[in-house]
Amino acid sequence: MPTTTEYKYVQLNDKGVPVIAGTTLKVIELVMAQIAYGWSPDELQVQHPYLSMSQIYSALAYYWDYKEVIDAEIEESLQWAKQVRKEAGISPVAAKLRAKGLLV
């Protein structure tokens, strides 16, 4: 059962993760899209047409109020992904393409 927050359109899911109310979209996912692509709130709404502008602004307000915590979670996720890629090594497809000079 979601837990309400002081943000009308942000709830904490069963794991305590902030999600946009009425969706399964995590606040961190919306923020990461904004950071990665430089999207404005209007562009976020174009990319996520099922979200209202109120939901988007509420999620962004939540982010700015918990910026340090969410930024730390983003950094942790990026470090984890970097480590997994390193451990996985070069894929067989990439190795074949490099051998043929088709991939740098």
PDB file of N, CA and C in Angstrom:
ATOM      1  N   MET A   1       0.840  -1.173   0.000  1.00  0.00           N
ATOM      2  CA  MET A   1       0.000   0.000   0.000  1.00  0.00           C
ATOM      3  C   MET A   1       0.892   1.246   0.000  1.00  0.00           C
ATOM      4  N   PRO A   2       0.730   2.148  -0.981  1.00  0.00           N
ATOM      5  CA  PRO A   2       1.551   3.351  -1.040  1.00  0.00           C
ATOM      6  C   PRO A   2       1.339   4.254   0.181  1.00  0.00           C
ATOM      7  N   THR A   3       2.403   4.928   0.559  1.00  0.00           N
ATOM      8  CA  THR A   3       2.361   5.869   1.665  1.00  0.00           C
ATOM      9  C   THR A   3       2.337   7.283   1.100  1.00  0.00           C
ATOM     10  N   THR A   4       1.466   8.112   1.616  1.00  0.00           N
ATOM     11  CA  THR A   4       1.384   9.482   1.127  1.00  0.00           C
ATOM     12  C   THR A   4       2.564  10.295   1.646  1.00  0.00           C
ATOM     13  N   THR A   5       2.852  11.366   0.934  1.00  0.00           N
ATOM     14  CA  THR A   5       3.891  12.310   1.331  1.00  0.00           C
ATOM     15  C   THR A   5       3.263  13.692   1.347  1.00  0.00           C
ATOM     16  N   GLU A   6       4.033  14.701   1.688  1.00  0.00           N
ATOM     17  CA  GLU A   6       3.507  16.067   1.660  1.00  0.00           C
ATOM     18  C   GLU A   6       3.389  16.590   0.237  1.00  0.00           C
ATOM     19  N   TYR A   7       3.854  15.805  -0.739  1.00  0.00           N
ATOM     20  CA  TYR A   7       3.753  16.158  -2.152  1.00  0.00           C
ATOM     21  C   TYR A   7       2.533  15.444  -2.716  1.00  0.00           C
ATOM     22  N   LYS A   8       1.600  16.221  -3.241  1.00  0.00           N
ATOM     23  CA  LYS A   8       0.319  15.673  -3.679  1.00  0.00           C
ATOM     24  C   LYS A   8       0.476  14.509  -4.649  1.00  0.00           C
ATOM     25  N   TYR A   9       1.451  14.578  -5.529  1.00  0.00           N
ATOM     26  CA  TYR A   9       1.582  13.569  -6.582  1.00  0.00           C
ATOM     27  C   TYR A   9       2.778  12.642  -6.399  1.00  0.00           C
ATOM     28  N   VAL A  10       3.320  12.579  -5.205  1.00  0.00           N
ATOM     29  CA  VAL A  10       4.424  11.660  -4.924  1.00  0.00           C
ATOM     30  C   VAL A  10       4.035  10.785  -3.741  1.00  0.00           C
ATOM     31  N   GLN A  11       4.205   9.482  -3.950  1.00  0.00           N
ATOM     32  CA  GLN A  11       3.942   8.510  -2.886  1.00  0.00           C
ATOM     33  C   GLN A  11       5.175   7.652  -2.704  1.00  0.00           C
ATOM     34  N   LEU A  12       5.292   7.046  -1.540  1.00  0.00           N
ATOM     35  CA  LEU A  12       6.345   6.062  -1.312  1.00  0.00           C
ATOM     36  C   LEU A  12       5.739   4.685  -1.536  1.00  0.00           C
ATOM     37  N   ASN A  13       6.390   3.885  -2.379  1.00  0.00           N
ATOM     38  CA  ASN A  13       5.860   2.544  -2.634  1.00  0.00           C
ATOM     39  C   ASN A  13       6.171   1.632  -1.441  1.00  0.00           C
ATOM     40  N   ASP A  14       5.846   0.358  -1.577  1.00  0.00           N
ATOM     41  CA  ASP A  14       6.033  -0.597  -0.475  1.00  0.00           C
ATOM     42  C   ASP A  14       7.481  -0.699  -0.009  1.00  0.00           C
ATOM     43  N   LYS A  15       8.428  -0.342  -0.892  1.00  0.00           N
ATOM     44  CA  LYS A  15       9.850  -0.398  -0.546  1.00  0.00           C
ATOM     45  C   LYS A  15      10.371   0.960  -0.077  1.00  0.00           C
ATOM     46  N   GLY A  16       9.464   1.941   0.048  1.00  0.00           N
ATOM     47  CA  GLY A  16       9.865   3.265   0.499  1.00  0.00           C
ATOM     48  C   GLY A  16      10.466   4.130  -0.595  1.00  0.00           C
ATOM     49  N   VAL A  17      10.291   3.719  -1.839  1.00  0.00           N
ATOM     50  CA  VAL A  17      10.835   4.455  -2.976  1.00  0.00           C
ATOM     51  C   VAL A  17       9.793   5.465  -3.460  1.00  0.00           C
ATOM     52  N   PRO A  18      10.199   6.729  -3.662  1.00  0.00           N
ATOM     53  CA  PRO A  18       9.231   7.722  -4.148  1.00  0.00           C
ATOM     54  C   PRO A  18       8.850   7.475  -5.603  1.00  0.00           C
ATOM     55  N   VAL A  19       7.539   7.354  -5.829  1.00  0.00           N
ATOM     56  CA  VAL A  19       6.995   7.162  -7.175  1.00  0.00           C
ATOM     57  C   VAL A  19       5.940   8.230  -7.428  1.00  0.00           C
ATOM     58  N   ILE A  20       5.690   8.478  -8.697  1.00  0.00           N
ATOM     59  CA  ILE A  20       4.661   9.435  -9.050  1.00  0.00           C
ATOM     60  C   ILE A  20       3.312   8.760  -8.847  1.00  0.00           C
ATOM     61  N   ALA A  21       2.463   9.387  -8.057  1.00  0.00           N
ATOM     62  CA  ALA A  21       1.167   8.817  -7.686  1.00  0.00           C
ATOM     63  C   ALA A  21       0.380   8.409  -8.918  1.00  0.00           C
ATOM     64  N   GLY A  22      -0.221   7.235  -8.842  1.00  0.00           N
ATOM     65  CA  GLY A  22      -1.035   6.719  -9.940  1.00  0.00           C
ATOM     66  C   GLY A  22      -0.227   6.043 -11.028  1.00  0.00           C
ATOM     67  N   THR A  23       1.102   5.962 -10.836  1.00  0.00           N
ATOM     68  CA  THR A  23       1.978   5.324 -11.824  1.00  0.00           C
ATOM     69  C   THR A  23       2.970   4.419 -11.097  1.00  0.00           C
ATOM     70  N   THR A  24       3.805   3.771 -11.872  1.00  0.00           N
ATOM     71  CA  THR A  24       4.921   3.022 -11.293  1.00  0.00           C
ATOM     72  C   THR A  24       6.239   3.736 -11.561  1.00  0.00           C
ATOM     73  N   LEU A  25       6.166   4.928 -12.152  1.00  0.00           N
ATOM     74  CA  LEU A  25       7.372   5.680 -12.495  1.00  0.00           C
ATOM     75  C   LEU A  25       8.002   6.263 -11.237  1.00  0.00           C
ATOM     76  N   LYS A  26       9.253   5.906 -11.015  1.00  0.00           N
ATOM     77  CA  LYS A  26       9.980   6.414  -9.859  1.00  0.00           C
ATOM     78  C   LYS A  26      10.419   7.847 -10.124  1.00  0.00           C
ATOM     79  N   VAL A  27      10.427   8.643  -9.068  1.00  0.00           N
ATOM     80  CA  VAL A  27      10.885  10.024  -9.184  1.00  0.00           C
ATOM     81  C   VAL A  27      12.306  10.045  -9.744  1.00  0.00           C
ATOM     82  N   ILE A  28      13.151   9.153  -9.280  1.00  0.00           N
ATOM     83  CA  ILE A  28      14.543   9.112  -9.732  1.00  0.00           C
ATOM     84  C   ILE A  28      14.629   8.859 -11.245  1.00  0.00           C
ATOM     85  N   GLU A  29      13.718   8.069 -11.795  1.00  0.00           N
ATOM     86  CA  GLU A  29      13.727   7.799 -13.237  1.00  0.00           C
ATOM     87  C   GLU A  29      13.384   9.053 -14.032  1.00  0.00           C
ATOM     88  N   LEU A  30      12.426   9.816 -13.550  1.00  0.00           N
ATOM     89  CA  LEU A  30      12.057  11.058 -14.224  1.00  0.00           C
ATOM     90  C   LEU A  30      13.220  12.049 -14.161  1.00  0.00           C
ATOM     91  N   VAL A  31      13.853  12.135 -13.005  1.00  0.00           N
ATOM     92  CA  VAL A  31      14.981  13.051 -12.818  1.00  0.00           C
ATOM     93  C   VAL A  31      16.160  12.628 -13.697  1.00  0.00           C
ATOM     94  N   MET A  32      16.433  11.335 -13.761  1.00  0.00           N
ATOM     95  CA  MET A  32      17.544  10.859 -14.592  1.00  0.00           C
ATOM     96  C   MET A  32      17.298  11.175 -16.071  1.00  0.00           C
ATOM     97  N   ALA A  33      16.057  11.076 -16.512  1.00  0.00           N
ATOM     98  CA  ALA A  33      15.734  11.437 -17.892  1.00  0.00           C
ATOM     99  C   ALA A  33      15.967  12.922 -18.109  1.00  0.00           C
ATOM    100  N   GLN A  34      15.566  13.732 -17.142  1.00  0.00           N
ATOM    101  CA  GLN A  34      15.762  15.173 -17.274  1.00  0.00           C
ATOM    102  C   GLN A  34      17.254  15.506 -17.325  1.00  0.00           C
ATOM    103  N   ILE A  35      18.037  14.885 -16.484  1.00  0.00           N
ATOM    104  CA  ILE A  35      19.483  15.134 -16.457  1.00  0.00           C
ATOM    105  C   ILE A  35      20.142  14.629 -17.744  1.00  0.00           C
ATOM    106  N   ALA A  36      19.810  13.410 -18.142  1.00  0.00           N
ATOM    107  CA  ALA A  36      20.454  12.798 -19.309  1.00  0.00           C
ATOM    108  C   ALA A  36      20.162  13.542 -20.603  1.00  0.00           C
ATOM    109  N   TYR A  37      18.944  13.972 -20.770  1.00  0.00           N
ATOM    110  CA  TYR A  37      18.535  14.585 -22.032  1.00  0.00           C
ATOM    111  C   TYR A  37      18.360  16.095 -21.964  1.00  0.00           C
ATOM    112  N   GLY A  38      18.468  16.662 -20.767  1.00  0.00           N
ATOM    113  CA  GLY A  38      18.283  18.097 -20.608  1.00  0.00           C
ATOM    114  C   GLY A  38      16.859  18.556 -20.870  1.00  0.00           C
ATOM    115  N   TRP A  39      15.913  17.660 -20.622  1.00  0.00           N
ATOM    116  CA  TRP A  39      14.515  17.966 -20.911  1.00  0.00           C
ATOM    117  C   TRP A  39      13.933  18.958 -19.909  1.00  0.00           C
ATOM    118  N   SER A  40      13.152  19.872 -20.423  1.00  0.00           N
ATOM    119  CA  SER A  40      12.370  20.793 -19.591  1.00  0.00           C
ATOM    120  C   SER A  40      11.152  20.024 -19.072  1.00  0.00           C
ATOM    121  N   PRO A  41      10.438  20.581 -18.099  1.00  0.00           N
ATOM    122  CA  PRO A  41       9.198  19.932 -17.665  1.00  0.00           C
ATOM    123  C   PRO A  41       8.221  19.708 -18.820  1.00  0.00           C
ATOM    124  N   ASP A  42       8.146  20.665 -19.743  1.00  0.00           N
ATOM    125  CA  ASP A  42       7.260  20.495 -20.909  1.00  0.00           C
ATOM    126  C   ASP A  42       7.693  19.296 -21.757  1.00  0.00           C
ATOM    127  N   GLU A  43       8.990  19.150 -21.964  1.00  0.00           N
ATOM    128  CA  GLU A  43       9.489  18.025 -22.760  1.00  0.00           C
ATOM    129  C   GLU A  43       9.296  16.706 -22.009  1.00  0.00           C
ATOM    130  N   LEU A  44       9.451  16.728 -20.699  1.00  0.00           N
ATOM    131  CA  LEU A  44       9.174  15.518 -19.913  1.00  0.00           C
ATOM    132  C   LEU A  44       7.737  15.076 -20.127  1.00  0.00           C
ATOM    133  N   GLN A  45       6.826  16.044 -20.202  1.00  0.00           N
ATOM    134  CA  GLN A  45       5.413  15.715 -20.406  1.00  0.00           C
ATOM    135  C   GLN A  45       5.182  15.158 -21.802  1.00  0.00           C
ATOM    136  N   VAL A  46       5.897  15.669 -22.802  1.00  0.00           N
ATOM    137  CA  VAL A  46       5.791  15.122 -24.164  1.00  0.00           C
ATOM    138  C   VAL A  46       6.286  13.672 -24.175  1.00  0.00           C
ATOM    139  N   GLN A  47       7.377  13.424 -23.481  1.00  0.00           N
ATOM    140  CA  GLN A  47       7.956  12.078 -23.448  1.00  0.00           C
ATOM    141  C   GLN A  47       7.168  11.116 -22.559  1.00  0.00           C
ATOM    142  N   HIS A  48       6.434  11.663 -21.612  1.00  0.00           N
ATOM    143  CA  HIS A  48       5.611  10.860 -20.695  1.00  0.00           C
ATOM    144  C   HIS A  48       4.194  11.426 -20.710  1.00  0.00           C
ATOM    145  N   PRO A  49       3.466  11.236 -21.805  1.00  0.00           N
ATOM    146  CA  PRO A  49       2.148  11.877 -21.949  1.00  0.00           C
ATOM    147  C   PRO A  49       1.108  11.417 -20.932  1.00  0.00           C
ATOM    148  N   TYR A  50       1.352  10.334 -20.251  1.00  0.00           N
ATOM    149  CA  TYR A  50       0.429   9.855 -19.232  1.00  0.00           C
ATOM    150  C   TYR A  50       0.577  10.630 -17.922  1.00  0.00           C
ATOM    151  N   LEU A  51       1.605  11.502 -17.833  1.00  0.00           N
ATOM    152  CA  LEU A  51       1.808  12.328 -16.649  1.00  0.00           C
ATOM    153  C   LEU A  51       1.225  13.715 -16.870  1.00  0.00           C
ATOM    154  N   SER A  52       0.610  14.246 -15.840  1.00  0.00           N
ATOM    155  CA  SER A  52       0.151  15.632 -15.910  1.00  0.00           C
ATOM    156  C   SER A  52       1.320  16.538 -15.536  1.00  0.00           C
ATOM    157  N   MET A  53       1.205  17.794 -15.894  1.00  0.00           N
ATOM    158  CA  MET A  53       2.246  18.751 -15.509  1.00  0.00           C
ATOM    159  C   MET A  53       2.330  18.858 -13.990  1.00  0.00           C
ATOM    160  N   SER A  54       1.200  18.725 -13.320  1.00  0.00           N
ATOM    161  CA  SER A  54       1.203  18.756 -11.855  1.00  0.00           C
ATOM    162  C   SER A  54       2.018  17.604 -11.285  1.00  0.00           C
ATOM    163  N   GLN A  55       1.876  16.422 -11.865  1.00  0.00           N
ATOM    164  CA  GLN A  55       2.654  15.280 -11.408  1.00  0.00           C
ATOM    165  C   GLN A  55       4.150  15.522 -11.628  1.00  0.00           C
ATOM    166  N   ILE A  56       4.485  16.065 -12.793  1.00  0.00           N
ATOM    167  CA  ILE A  56       5.893  16.322 -13.117  1.00  0.00           C
ATOM    168  C   ILE A  56       6.485  17.346 -12.154  1.00  0.00           C
ATOM    169  N   TYR A  57       5.800  18.467 -11.967  1.00  0.00           N
ATOM    170  CA  TYR A  57       6.322  19.497 -11.073  1.00  0.00           C
ATOM    171  C   TYR A  57       6.389  19.015  -9.624  1.00  0.00           C
ATOM    172  N   SER A  58       5.448  18.203  -9.216  1.00  0.00           N
ATOM    173  CA  SER A  58       5.481  17.657  -7.864  1.00  0.00           C
ATOM    174  C   SER A  58       6.696  16.743  -7.692  1.00  0.00           C
ATOM    175  N   ALA A  59       6.953  15.905  -8.691  1.00  0.00           N
ATOM    176  CA  ALA A  59       8.116  15.009  -8.645  1.00  0.00           C
ATOM    177  C   ALA A  59       9.411  15.809  -8.630  1.00  0.00           C
ATOM    178  N   LEU A  60       9.480  16.859  -9.438  1.00  0.00           N
ATOM    179  CA  LEU A  60      10.689  17.689  -9.471  1.00  0.00           C
ATOM    180  C   LEU A  60      10.874  18.449  -8.166  1.00  0.00           C
ATOM    181  N   ALA A  61       9.793  18.899  -7.571  1.00  0.00           N
ATOM    182  CA  ALA A  61       9.887  19.566  -6.265  1.00  0.00           C
ATOM    183  C   ALA A  61      10.405  18.584  -5.216  1.00  0.00           C
ATOM    184  N   TYR A  62       9.907  17.357  -5.262  1.00  0.00           N
ATOM    185  CA  TYR A  62      10.389  16.321  -4.340  1.00  0.00           C
ATOM    186  C   TYR A  62      11.889  16.133  -4.538  1.00  0.00           C
ATOM    187  N   TYR A  63      12.320  16.048  -5.779  1.00  0.00           N
ATOM    188  CA  TYR A  63      13.747  15.875  -6.068  1.00  0.00           C
ATOM    189  C   TYR A  63      14.563  17.011  -5.454  1.00  0.00           C
ATOM    190  N   TRP A  64      14.149  18.252  -5.679  1.00  0.00           N
ATOM    191  CA  TRP A  64      14.938  19.379  -5.177  1.00  0.00           C
ATOM    192  C   TRP A  64      14.967  19.418  -3.653  1.00  0.00           C
ATOM    193  N   ASP A  65      13.935  18.959  -3.015  1.00  0.00           N
ATOM    194  CA  ASP A  65      13.929  18.918  -1.554  1.00  0.00           C
ATOM    195  C   ASP A  65      14.771  17.768  -0.999  1.00  0.00           C
ATOM    196  N   TYR A  66      14.979  16.735  -1.801  1.00  0.00           N
ATOM    197  CA  TYR A  66      15.777  15.567  -1.388  1.00  0.00           C
ATOM    198  C   TYR A  66      16.938  15.342  -2.342  1.00  0.00           C
ATOM    199  N   LYS A  67      17.446  16.418  -2.910  1.00  0.00           N
ATOM    200  CA  LYS A  67      18.470  16.367  -3.954  1.00  0.00           C
ATOM    201  C   LYS A  67      19.709  15.568  -3.543  1.00  0.00           C
ATOM    202  N   GLU A  68      20.237  15.813  -2.368  1.00  0.00           N
ATOM    203  CA  GLU A  68      21.451  15.113  -1.944  1.00  0.00           C
ATOM    204  C   GLU A  68      21.250  13.613  -1.891  1.00  0.00           C
ATOM    205  N   VAL A  69      20.127  13.185  -1.357  1.00  0.00           N
ATOM    206  CA  VAL A  69      19.831  11.751  -1.240  1.00  0.00           C
ATOM    207  C   VAL A  69      19.649  11.128  -2.626  1.00  0.00           C
ATOM    208  N   ILE A  70      18.866  11.783  -3.468  1.00  0.00           N
ATOM    209  CA  ILE A  70      18.584  11.225  -4.797  1.00  0.00           C
ATOM    210  C   ILE A  70      19.826  11.267  -5.669  1.00  0.00           C
ATOM    211  N   ASP A  71      20.601  12.339  -5.598  1.00  0.00           N
ATOM    212  CA  ASP A  71      21.853  12.396  -6.367  1.00  0.00           C
ATOM    213  C   ASP A  71      22.809  11.286  -5.944  1.00  0.00           C
ATOM    214  N   ALA A  72      22.853  10.988  -4.655  1.00  0.00           N
ATOM    215  CA  ALA A  72      23.703   9.888  -4.165  1.00  0.00           C
ATOM    216  C   ALA A  72      23.211   8.551  -4.723  1.00  0.00           C
ATOM    217  N   GLU A  73      21.898   8.362  -4.798  1.00  0.00           N
ATOM    218  CA  GLU A  73      21.342   7.130  -5.370  1.00  0.00           C
ATOM    219  C   GLU A  73      21.673   7.034  -6.861  1.00  0.00           C
ATOM    220  N   ILE A  74      21.603   8.155  -7.565  1.00  0.00           N
ATOM    221  CA  ILE A  74      21.955   8.169  -8.993  1.00  0.00           C
ATOM    222  C   ILE A  74      23.420   7.787  -9.162  1.00  0.00           C
ATOM    223  N   GLU A  75      24.295   8.389  -8.378  1.00  0.00           N
ATOM    224  CA  GLU A  75      25.728   8.097  -8.471  1.00  0.00           C
ATOM    225  C   GLU A  75      26.004   6.630  -8.155  1.00  0.00           C
ATOM    226  N   GLU A  76      25.342   6.104  -7.147  1.00  0.00           N
ATOM    227  CA  GLU A  76      25.505   4.690  -6.792  1.00  0.00           C
ATOM    228  C   GLU A  76      25.077   3.785  -7.957  1.00  0.00           C
ATOM    229  N   SER A  77      23.973   4.123  -8.601  1.00  0.00           N
ATOM    230  CA  SER A  77      23.490   3.344  -9.747  1.00  0.00           C
ATOM    231  C   SER A  77      24.477   3.399 -10.911  1.00  0.00           C
ATOM    232  N   LEU A  78      25.028   4.575 -11.158  1.00  0.00           N
ATOM    233  CA  LEU A  78      26.000   4.726 -12.249  1.00  0.00           C
ATOM    234  C   LEU A  78      27.271   3.935 -11.967  1.00  0.00           C
ATOM    235  N   GLN A  79      27.730   3.958 -10.719  1.00  0.00           N
ATOM    236  CA  GLN A  79      28.923   3.192 -10.355  1.00  0.00           C
ATOM    237  C   GLN A  79      28.674   1.696 -10.472  1.00  0.00           C
ATOM    238  N   TRP A  80      27.492   1.261 -10.055  1.00  0.00           N
ATOM    239  CA  TRP A  80      27.139  -0.151 -10.174  1.00  0.00           C
ATOM    240  C   TRP A  80      27.137  -0.581 -11.643  1.00  0.00           C
ATOM    241  N   ALA A  81      26.517   0.238 -12.509  1.00  0.00           N
ATOM    242  CA  ALA A  81      26.453  -0.080 -13.939  1.00  0.00           C
ATOM    243  C   ALA A  81      27.857  -0.131 -14.544  1.00  0.00           C
ATOM    244  N   LYS A  82      28.698   0.794 -14.142  1.00  0.00           N
ATOM    245  CA  LYS A  82      30.082   0.819 -14.639  1.00  0.00           C
ATOM    246  C   LYS A  82      30.819  -0.458 -14.231  1.00  0.00           C
ATOM    247  N   GLN A  83      30.636  -0.874 -12.990  1.00  0.00           N
ATOM    248  CA  GLN A  83      31.295  -2.083 -12.494  1.00  0.00           C
ATOM    249  C   GLN A  83      30.777  -3.330 -13.222  1.00  0.00           C
ATOM    250  N   VAL A  84      29.479  -3.405 -13.438  1.00  0.00           N
ATOM    251  CA  VAL A  84      28.898  -4.559 -14.133  1.00  0.00           C
ATOM    252  C   VAL A  84      29.426  -4.642 -15.566  1.00  0.00           C
ATOM    253  N   ARG A  85      29.486  -3.485 -16.247  1.00  0.00           N
ATOM    254  CA  ARG A  85      30.027  -3.475 -17.618  1.00  0.00           C
ATOM    255  C   ARG A  85      31.477  -3.942 -17.635  1.00  0.00           C
ATOM    256  N   LYS A  86      32.250  -3.487 -16.652  1.00  0.00           N
ATOM    257  CA  LYS A  86      33.664  -3.873 -16.556  1.00  0.00           C
ATOM    258  C   LYS A  86      33.798  -5.381 -16.339  1.00  0.00           C
ATOM    259  N   GLU A  87      32.989  -5.915 -15.426  1.00  0.00           N
ATOM    260  CA  GLU A  87      33.041  -7.348 -15.127  1.00  0.00           C
ATOM    261  C   GLU A  87      32.565  -8.204 -16.296  1.00  0.00           C
ATOM    262  N   ALA A  88      31.614  -7.691 -17.061  1.00  0.00           N
ATOM    263  CA  ALA A  88      31.071  -8.455 -18.186  1.00  0.00           C
ATOM    264  C   ALA A  88      32.066  -8.550 -19.335  1.00  0.00           C
ATOM    265  N   GLY A  89      32.936  -7.567 -19.457  1.00  0.00           N
ATOM    266  CA  GLY A  89      33.913  -7.581 -20.547  1.00  0.00           C
ATOM    267  C   GLY A  89      33.255  -7.283 -21.886  1.00  0.00           C
ATOM    268  N   ILE A  90      34.014  -7.501 -22.921  1.00  0.00           N
ATOM    269  CA  ILE A  90      33.539  -7.223 -24.275  1.00  0.00           C
ATOM    270  C   ILE A  90      32.590  -8.338 -24.719  1.00  0.00           C
ATOM    271  N   SER A  91      31.473  -7.931 -25.290  1.00  0.00           N
ATOM    272  CA  SER A  91      30.516  -8.923 -25.765  1.00  0.00           C
ATOM    273  C   SER A  91      31.083  -9.638 -26.993  1.00  0.00           C
ATOM    274  N   PRO A  92      30.663 -10.866 -27.248  1.00  0.00           N
ATOM    275  CA  PRO A  92      31.132 -11.596 -28.425  1.00  0.00           C
ATOM    276  C   PRO A  92      30.830 -10.852 -29.730  1.00  0.00           C
ATOM    277  N   VAL A  93      29.694 -10.187 -29.796  1.00  0.00           N
ATOM    278  CA  VAL A  93      29.340  -9.434 -31.004  1.00  0.00           C
ATOM    279  C   VAL A  93      30.305  -8.274 -31.196  1.00  0.00           C
ATOM    280  N   ALA A  94      30.577  -7.539 -30.125  1.00  0.00           N
ATOM    281  CA  ALA A  94      31.512  -6.422 -30.216  1.00  0.00           C
ATOM    282  C   ALA A  94      32.901  -6.920 -30.611  1.00  0.00           C
ATOM    283  N   ALA A  95      33.317  -8.046 -30.072  1.00  0.00           N
ATOM    284  CA  ALA A  95      34.629  -8.604 -30.417  1.00  0.00           C
ATOM    285  C   ALA A  95      34.706  -8.937 -31.903  1.00  0.00           C
ATOM    286  N   LYS A  96      33.651  -9.527 -32.466  1.00  0.00           N
ATOM    287  CA  LYS A  96      33.617  -9.848 -33.895  1.00  0.00           C
ATOM    288  C   LYS A  96      33.657  -8.586 -34.744  1.00  0.00           C
ATOM    289  N   LEU A  97      32.896  -7.585 -34.335  1.00  0.00           N
ATOM    290  CA  LEU A  97      32.872  -6.329 -35.093  1.00  0.00           C
ATOM    291  C   LEU A  97      34.234  -5.628 -35.029  1.00  0.00           C
ATOM    292  N   ARG A  98      34.890  -5.674 -33.895  1.00  0.00           N
ATOM    293  CA  ARG A  98      36.231  -5.089 -33.779  1.00  0.00           C
ATOM    294  C   ARG A  98      37.220  -5.853 -34.650  1.00  0.00           C
ATOM    295  N   ALA A  99      37.113  -7.168 -34.664  1.00  0.00           N
ATOM    296  CA  ALA A  99      38.029  -7.982 -35.480  1.00  0.00           C
ATOM    297  C   ALA A  99      37.872  -7.651 -36.965  1.00  0.00           C
ATOM    298  N   LYS A 100      36.684  -7.267 -37.368  1.00  0.00           N
ATOM    299  CA  LYS A 100      36.435  -6.921 -38.768  1.00  0.00           C
ATOM    300  C   LYS A 100      36.671  -5.432 -39.029  1.00  0.00           C
ATOM    301  N   GLY A 101      37.083  -4.691 -37.992  1.00  0.00           N
ATOM    302  CA  GLY A 101      37.342  -3.279 -38.155  1.00  0.00           C
ATOM    303  C   GLY A 101      36.081  -2.432 -38.255  1.00  0.00           C
ATOM    304  N   LEU A 102      34.957  -2.987 -37.829  1.00  0.00           N
ATOM    305  CA  LEU A 102      33.691  -2.271 -37.926  1.00  0.00           C
ATOM    306  C   LEU A 102      33.332  -1.523 -36.651  1.00  0.00           C
ATOM    307  N   LEU A 103      34.131  -1.708 -35.613  1.00  0.00           N
ATOM    308  CA  LEU A 103      33.864  -1.069 -34.333  1.00  0.00           C
ATOM    309  C   LEU A 103      35.201  -0.620 -33.752  1.00  0.00           C
ATOM    310  N   VAL A 104      35.203   0.592 -33.259  1.00  0.00           N
ATOM    311  CA  VAL A 104      36.437   1.146 -32.696  1.00  0.00           C
ATOM    312  C   VAL A 104      36.594   0.701 -31.271  1.00  0.00           C
TER     313      VAL A 104
END
